[in-house]
């Protein structure tokens, strides 16, 4: 995977991200995120040109999280609701030429050699089925590495940023 590194990735991400990842990798005796069974899992190509290959995730995720990130000076705040291998995300932001915006996306949980991936699809105006003409689908990488946990976003235009993650009850 070629997620662009921003240099601003936090080494001490919120404990909720570590708990989220702990439920789905190694700590509970579950196979690693890049493990696959070639007899039952066929690799798929992600819609983005910077994710070389992903496979279906082997364990579902349930819960709600607040994600905060910035791209080109615009701060985005998203609420992610995962219900197994898919979920939804509402993102709010202010864009100078458009004003206040709210976008909904469908999110799919996948696995890659670099960690868990959430792929965004079909960005629409919040609460509608109307495609948002300028919003580009979001893709998140969540990983626990030797030197700490990380969360990153790269949209389909390769605009990348570190992400702060907070669990919501």
Protein backbone atom coordinates (compact mmCIF):
# COMPACT_ATOMS: atom_id res chain seq x y z
CA UNK A 1 0.00 0.00 0.00
CA UNK A 2 1.29 3.44 -0.80
CA UNK A 3 -0.40 5.63 1.78
CA UNK A 4 1.46 8.91 1.66
CA UNK A 5 3.19 9.57 4.98
CA UNK A 6 2.45 12.99 6.43
CA UNK A 7 4.94 12.94 9.29
CA UNK A 8 2.18 13.97 11.67
CA UNK A 9 1.01 10.48 12.55
CA UNK A 10 0.55 10.14 16.27
CA UNK A 11 2.46 7.35 17.99
CA UNK A 12 0.09 7.45 20.95
CA UNK A 13 -3.32 7.28 19.34
CA UNK A 14 -6.43 7.20 21.43
CA UNK A 15 -6.89 4.00 23.43
CA UNK A 16 -10.14 3.37 21.58
CA UNK A 17 -8.26 2.78 18.32
CA UNK A 18 -6.00 0.26 20.03
CA UNK A 19 -9.05 -1.44 21.55
CA UNK A 20 -10.73 -1.51 18.14
CA UNK A 21 -7.70 -3.10 16.52
CA UNK A 22 -7.09 -5.44 19.43
CA UNK A 23 -10.49 -6.98 18.89
CA UNK A 24 -9.61 -7.86 15.33
CA UNK A 25 -5.92 -8.81 15.36
CA UNK A 26 -3.50 -11.05 17.23
CA UNK A 27 -4.39 -10.33 20.84
CA UNK A 28 -7.38 -12.67 20.83
CA UNK A 29 -5.70 -15.44 18.86
CA UNK A 30 -7.15 -14.18 15.59
CA UNK A 31 -5.10 -14.35 12.42
CA UNK A 32 -3.17 -11.24 11.44
CA UNK A 33 -4.78 -8.69 9.16
CA UNK A 34 -2.78 -9.84 6.17
CA UNK A 35 -3.53 -13.54 6.66
CA UNK A 36 -5.65 -15.15 3.98
CA UNK A 37 -6.78 -18.58 3.02
CA UNK A 38 -6.23 -18.94 -0.74
CA UNK A 39 -8.93 -21.62 -0.91
CA UNK A 40 -11.69 -19.41 0.48
CA UNK A 41 -10.56 -15.82 -0.10
CA UNK A 42 -9.96 -14.31 -3.49
CA UNK A 43 -8.12 -10.97 -3.51
CA UNK A 44 -10.06 -8.02 -4.86
CA UNK A 45 -8.82 -4.79 -6.33
CA UNK A 46 -9.80 -1.67 -4.45
CA UNK A 47 -11.46 1.18 -6.33
CA UNK A 48 -8.52 3.43 -5.63
CA UNK A 49 -5.33 3.33 -7.65
CA UNK A 50 -3.06 3.53 -4.59
CA UNK A 51 -4.26 0.42 -2.77
CA UNK A 52 -2.72 -2.43 -4.69
CA UNK A 53 -4.71 -5.30 -3.22
CA UNK A 54 -7.12 -5.94 -0.39
CA UNK A 55 -9.03 -8.99 0.81
CA UNK A 56 -12.17 -9.43 2.83
CA UNK A 57 -11.61 -8.91 6.54
CA UNK A 58 -11.91 -12.07 8.60
CA UNK A 59 -13.52 -10.55 11.71
CA UNK A 60 -16.33 -8.00 11.96
CA UNK A 61 -16.15 -4.71 13.85
CA UNK A 62 -19.04 -3.20 15.82
CA UNK A 63 -19.11 0.26 17.36
CA UNK A 64 -19.16 4.01 16.87
CA UNK A 65 -16.19 6.35 16.52
CA UNK A 66 -15.49 10.02 15.96
CA UNK A 67 -12.75 10.60 13.39
CA UNK A 68 -11.04 13.96 12.90
CA UNK A 69 -8.57 14.82 10.16
CA UNK A 70 -7.46 17.72 7.99
CA UNK A 71 -6.74 17.86 4.27
CA UNK A 72 -5.45 21.05 2.65
CA UNK A 73 -6.39 23.07 5.73
CA UNK A 74 -10.01 21.87 5.78
CA UNK A 75 -10.91 20.04 9.01
CA UNK A 76 -13.27 17.08 8.62
CA UNK A 77 -15.20 15.48 11.48
CA UNK A 78 -16.80 12.12 10.85
CA UNK A 79 -18.99 9.77 12.83
CA UNK A 80 -18.30 6.18 11.84
CA UNK A 81 -20.82 3.45 12.69
CA UNK A 82 -19.62 -0.09 11.98
CA UNK A 83 -22.04 -3.03 12.02
CA UNK A 84 -19.86 -5.96 11.10
CA UNK A 85 -18.12 -5.83 7.75
CA UNK A 86 -19.86 -2.64 6.63
CA UNK A 87 -21.11 0.56 8.11
CA UNK A 88 -21.85 4.19 7.45
CA UNK A 89 -20.04 7.43 8.00
CA UNK A 90 -21.31 11.01 8.14
CA UNK A 91 -18.72 13.70 7.59
CA UNK A 92 -19.18 17.39 8.34
CA UNK A 93 -16.88 20.15 7.18
CA UNK A 94 -16.81 23.76 6.01
CA UNK A 95 -15.59 24.48 2.49
CA UNK A 96 -15.11 28.19 1.69
CA UNK A 97 -16.86 28.20 -1.71
CA UNK A 98 -19.66 25.78 -0.66
CA UNK A 99 -20.26 26.64 3.00
CA UNK A 100 -21.23 24.00 5.56
CA UNK A 101 -21.36 20.50 4.11
CA UNK A 102 -22.47 17.09 5.39
CA UNK A 103 -21.80 13.90 3.43
CA UNK A 104 -22.81 10.27 4.03
CA UNK A 105 -20.81 7.31 2.77
CA UNK A 106 -21.08 3.55 2.93
CA UNK A 107 -17.95 2.02 4.46
CA UNK A 108 -16.62 -1.52 3.89
CA UNK A 109 -14.10 -3.28 6.12
CA UNK A 110 -11.22 -4.96 4.31
CA UNK A 111 -7.78 -6.30 5.15
CA UNK A 112 -4.42 -5.50 3.58
CA UNK A 113 -0.78 -6.32 4.28
CA UNK A 114 -0.52 -2.89 5.96
CA UNK A 115 -3.50 -3.24 8.33
CA UNK A 116 -7.26 -2.92 8.32
CA UNK A 117 -8.80 -0.75 5.63
CA UNK A 118 -12.15 1.00 5.56
CA UNK A 119 -13.12 1.81 1.98
CA UNK A 120 -15.69 4.54 1.40
CA UNK A 121 -18.25 4.37 -1.39
CA UNK A 122 -21.02 6.54 -2.80
CA UNK A 123 -20.58 9.95 -1.10
CA UNK A 124 -24.02 11.59 -1.05
CA UNK A 125 -25.50 14.68 0.57
CA UNK A 126 -26.32 13.70 4.14
CA UNK A 127 -29.75 12.15 4.55
CA UNK A 128 -30.34 11.84 0.79
CA UNK A 129 -29.46 9.57 -2.14
CA UNK A 130 -28.14 12.54 -4.15
CA UNK A 131 -24.51 12.15 -5.15
CA UNK A 132 -22.27 14.89 -3.80
CA UNK A 133 -20.64 16.46 -6.87
CA UNK A 134 -17.28 17.37 -5.30
CA UNK A 135 -16.73 15.02 -2.36
CA UNK A 136 -14.23 12.23 -2.98
CA UNK A 137 -14.66 8.87 -1.20
CA UNK A 138 -12.54 8.34 1.92
CA UNK A 139 -10.28 5.36 2.65
CA UNK A 140 -8.82 4.72 6.11
CA UNK A 141 -5.90 2.58 7.23
CA UNK A 142 -5.78 1.36 10.85
CA UNK A 143 -2.72 -0.55 12.04
CA UNK A 144 -0.80 -1.55 15.13
CA UNK A 145 2.87 -1.56 14.26
CA UNK A 146 6.02 -2.31 16.21
CA UNK A 147 6.49 1.37 17.07
CA UNK A 148 2.84 2.20 17.82
CA UNK A 149 -0.67 2.44 16.44
CA UNK A 150 -1.61 4.63 13.52
CA UNK A 151 -4.65 5.81 11.63
CA UNK A 152 -4.44 7.50 8.26
CA UNK A 153 -6.83 8.62 5.58
CA UNK A 154 -6.18 8.88 1.87
CA UNK A 155 -9.09 9.80 -0.35
CA UNK A 156 -9.41 8.64 -3.93
CA UNK A 157 -7.42 11.72 -5.07
CA UNK A 158 -4.47 10.68 -2.85
CA UNK A 159 -4.96 13.51 -0.35
CA UNK A 160 -3.71 12.02 2.90
CA UNK A 161 -3.70 12.91 6.58
CA UNK A 162 -3.25 11.45 10.03
CA UNK A 163 -6.53 10.74 11.84
CA UNK A 164 -7.49 11.11 15.48
CA UNK A 165 -9.91 8.45 16.70
CA UNK A 166 -12.28 8.62 19.68
CA UNK A 167 -14.77 5.93 20.73
CA UNK A 168 -18.39 7.04 21.14
CA UNK A 169 -20.77 5.24 23.45
